[in-house]
């Protein structure tokens, strides 16, 4: 971390917290990440009791990590990780059928995965901006916007016609009609 700060002249802000799933959890990994100055929020797999003989630093790092993931902040970060990483990737591989892609050549599979992931990211971006994550979700919105614009136009037009009627003085024509 100090090497990154020295090269960038502190222009780049480095992360302070690391949130991962249980596949990355090990005694040594938690200790290494903690020694870098990062707070870890790594889910623990179900392993049973651990043997901590001669591993006091690892034990302290794992226990500190366990305390953090059980707290309110840890739970919030885990929910965010699930929402922003796990769910889109699950949709990408399972619902999007990318787990069983039948293409020739590793390069073609990577291209298909890239396009598929770009579409997934576009959906996430749309959901962030508009609250709607798919183009199908916009179908009813276009009709609603057009109806609103049409209603606004009709209201302004009727108001303009009413203003013109008030400005136009028809009394001389009314007297002529009475005389005829």
Protein backbone atom coordinates (compact mmCIF):
# COMPACT_ATOMS: atom_id res chain seq x y z
CA UNK A 1 0.00 0.00 0.00
CA UNK A 2 2.85 2.35 0.76
CA UNK A 3 4.34 1.58 -2.67
CA UNK A 4 1.09 2.60 -4.39
CA UNK A 5 0.89 5.79 -2.34
CA UNK A 6 4.53 6.64 -3.12
CA UNK A 7 4.08 6.20 -6.86
CA UNK A 8 0.79 8.08 -7.10
CA UNK A 9 1.67 10.92 -4.72
CA UNK A 10 -1.47 10.15 -2.69
CA UNK A 11 -3.71 11.08 -5.64
CA UNK A 12 -5.27 7.64 -5.71
CA UNK A 13 -7.27 6.62 -2.69
CA UNK A 14 -6.70 3.01 -1.73
CA UNK A 15 -9.38 0.78 -0.27
CA UNK A 16 -9.77 0.49 3.47
CA UNK A 17 -12.11 -2.51 3.56
CA UNK A 18 -12.16 -5.86 1.77
CA UNK A 19 -15.44 -7.74 1.36
CA UNK A 20 -15.33 -11.22 -0.18
CA UNK A 21 -17.15 -14.53 -0.02
CA UNK A 22 -16.13 -17.60 1.90
CA UNK A 23 -14.05 -19.02 -0.93
CA UNK A 24 -11.28 -16.57 -0.05
CA UNK A 25 -11.25 -17.27 3.68
CA UNK A 26 -8.16 -18.86 5.18
CA UNK A 27 -6.14 -18.08 8.28
CA UNK A 28 -3.16 -16.89 6.28
CA UNK A 29 -5.20 -14.80 3.84
CA UNK A 30 -7.00 -12.96 6.63
CA UNK A 31 -3.69 -12.28 8.36
CA UNK A 32 -2.01 -11.10 5.13
CA UNK A 33 -4.84 -8.72 4.27
CA UNK A 34 -4.92 -7.38 7.81
CA UNK A 35 -1.15 -6.79 7.68
CA UNK A 36 -1.76 -4.60 4.59
CA UNK A 37 -3.89 -2.33 6.74
CA UNK A 38 -7.26 -3.40 5.35
CA UNK A 39 -10.30 -4.30 7.42
CA UNK A 40 -11.58 -7.68 6.26
CA UNK A 41 -15.19 -8.75 5.91
CA UNK A 42 -14.69 -12.30 4.64
CA UNK A 43 -17.46 -14.84 5.20
CA UNK A 44 -16.34 -17.92 7.08
CA UNK A 45 -17.11 -21.38 5.70
CA UNK A 46 -18.40 -24.07 8.05
CA UNK A 47 -15.16 -25.80 9.04
CA UNK A 48 -15.77 -26.80 12.60
CA UNK A 49 -13.32 -26.11 15.41
CA UNK A 50 -9.90 -24.73 14.51
CA UNK A 51 -6.55 -25.56 16.03
CA UNK A 52 -4.74 -22.36 16.99
CA UNK A 53 -1.57 -23.87 18.50
CA UNK A 54 1.31 -21.54 17.62
CA UNK A 55 -0.95 -19.35 15.45
CA UNK A 56 -1.82 -16.46 17.75
CA UNK A 57 -1.60 -13.75 15.07
CA UNK A 58 -3.81 -15.74 12.68
CA UNK A 59 -6.29 -16.42 15.47
CA UNK A 60 -6.53 -12.73 16.36
CA UNK A 61 -7.02 -11.78 12.69
CA UNK A 62 -9.72 -14.42 12.15
CA UNK A 63 -11.54 -13.50 15.36
CA UNK A 64 -11.44 -9.79 14.45
CA UNK A 65 -12.82 -10.65 11.00
CA UNK A 66 -15.57 -12.77 12.59
CA UNK A 67 -16.51 -9.92 14.94
CA UNK A 68 -16.72 -7.49 12.00
CA UNK A 69 -18.88 -9.69 9.76
CA UNK A 70 -21.37 -10.29 12.56
CA UNK A 71 -21.77 -6.56 13.21
CA UNK A 72 -24.24 -4.18 11.56
CA UNK A 73 -21.65 -2.71 9.17
CA UNK A 74 -20.48 -6.16 8.11
CA UNK A 75 -24.02 -7.31 7.41
CA UNK A 76 -24.66 -4.17 5.35
CA UNK A 77 -21.50 -4.71 3.31
CA UNK A 78 -22.38 -8.37 2.73
CA UNK A 79 -25.85 -7.37 1.48
CA UNK A 80 -24.29 -4.83 -0.89
CA UNK A 81 -21.82 -7.43 -2.17
CA UNK A 82 -24.66 -9.83 -2.80
CA UNK A 83 -26.73 -7.21 -4.57
CA UNK A 84 -23.98 -5.74 -6.72
CA UNK A 85 -21.84 -8.82 -7.43
CA UNK A 86 -23.46 -12.13 -6.62
CA UNK A 87 -26.92 -11.55 -8.06
CA UNK A 88 -25.77 -10.14 -11.43
CA UNK A 89 -23.22 -12.93 -11.84
CA UNK A 90 -25.79 -15.57 -10.92
CA UNK A 91 -28.11 -14.10 -13.54
CA UNK A 92 -25.24 -13.99 -16.00
CA UNK A 93 -24.33 -17.65 -15.63
CA UNK A 94 -27.60 -19.37 -14.73
CA UNK A 95 -30.46 -17.37 -16.22
CA UNK A 96 -28.34 -16.17 -19.12
CA UNK A 97 -27.22 -19.77 -19.80
CA UNK A 98 -23.53 -18.83 -19.93
CA UNK A 99 -22.59 -21.89 -17.90
CA UNK A 100 -23.28 -24.11 -20.93
CA UNK A 101 -22.09 -22.11 -23.93
CA UNK A 102 -21.58 -24.12 -27.11
CA UNK A 103 -19.10 -22.24 -29.29
CA UNK A 104 -15.92 -23.32 -30.99
CA UNK A 105 -12.76 -21.80 -29.67
CA UNK A 106 -11.91 -20.27 -26.34
CA UNK A 107 -11.70 -16.79 -27.89
CA UNK A 108 -15.28 -16.97 -29.16
CA UNK A 109 -16.52 -18.00 -25.72
CA UNK A 110 -14.70 -15.06 -24.17
CA UNK A 111 -16.24 -12.68 -26.72
CA UNK A 112 -19.72 -14.02 -25.96
CA UNK A 113 -19.10 -13.69 -22.24
CA UNK A 114 -17.86 -10.11 -22.72
CA UNK A 115 -20.99 -9.08 -24.64
CA UNK A 116 -23.23 -10.86 -22.15
CA UNK A 117 -21.50 -9.18 -19.19
CA UNK A 118 -21.73 -5.79 -20.91
CA UNK A 119 -25.49 -6.27 -21.24
CA UNK A 120 -25.70 -7.22 -17.57
CA UNK A 121 -23.72 -4.12 -16.59
CA UNK A 122 -25.97 -1.97 -18.78
CA UNK A 123 -28.99 -3.34 -16.93
CA UNK A 124 -27.34 -2.55 -13.59
CA UNK A 125 -26.55 0.98 -14.81
CA UNK A 126 -30.14 1.48 -16.01
CA UNK A 127 -31.46 0.23 -12.67
CA UNK A 128 -29.22 2.71 -10.85
CA UNK A 129 -30.26 5.68 -12.99
CA UNK A 130 -33.95 5.05 -13.56
CA UNK A 131 -35.03 2.34 -11.18
CA UNK A 132 -35.79 0.08 -14.13
CA UNK A 133 -33.25 -2.56 -15.07
CA UNK A 134 -34.52 -3.98 -18.36
CA UNK A 135 -35.66 -2.49 -21.66
CA UNK A 136 -38.93 -4.38 -21.20
CA UNK A 137 -39.50 -2.40 -18.02
CA UNK A 138 -39.48 0.79 -20.11
CA UNK A 139 -42.40 -0.32 -22.32
CA UNK A 140 -45.16 1.22 -20.24
CA UNK A 141 -43.06 4.24 -19.36
CA UNK A 142 -42.85 5.49 -22.96
CA UNK A 143 -46.64 5.49 -23.30
CA UNK A 144 -46.96 7.31 -19.98
CA UNK A 145 -44.47 10.00 -21.02
CA UNK A 146 -46.21 10.49 -24.39
CA UNK A 147 -49.61 10.75 -22.68
CA UNK A 148 -48.22 13.33 -20.25
CA UNK A 149 -46.73 15.41 -23.08
CA UNK A 150 -50.00 15.23 -25.06
CA UNK A 151 -52.05 16.27 -22.02
CA UNK A 152 -49.70 19.16 -21.31
CA UNK A 153 -49.88 20.30 -24.94
CA UNK A 154 -53.71 20.16 -24.93
CA UNK A 155 -53.86 22.13 -21.68
CA UNK A 156 -51.57 24.84 -23.03
CA UNK A 157 -53.46 24.99 -26.32
CA UNK A 158 -56.85 25.32 -24.58
CA UNK A 159 -55.46 28.04 -22.32
CA UNK A 160 -54.10 29.90 -25.36
CA UNK A 161 -57.46 29.67 -27.17
CA UNK A 162 -59.26 30.97 -24.06
CA UNK A 163 -56.85 33.92 -23.82
CA UNK A 164 -57.47 34.77 -27.48
CA UNK A 165 -61.24 34.73 -26.94
CA UNK A 166 -60.91 37.19 -24.06
CA UNK A 167 -58.78 39.54 -26.13
CA UNK A 168 -61.18 39.51 -29.10
CA UNK A 169 -64.03 41.96 -28.66
CA UNK A 170 -67.11 40.68 -30.51
CA UNK A 171 -69.58 43.38 -29.33
CA UNK A 172 -69.66 45.32 -32.63
CA UNK A 173 -70.47 42.11 -34.50
CA UNK A 174 -73.20 41.29 -32.00
CA UNK A 175 -74.86 44.68 -32.65
CA UNK A 176 -74.71 44.08 -36.41
CA UNK A 177 -76.29 40.66 -35.99
CA UNK A 178 -79.11 42.15 -33.93
CA UNK A 179 -79.78 44.82 -36.58
CA UNK A 180 -79.92 42.35 -39.40
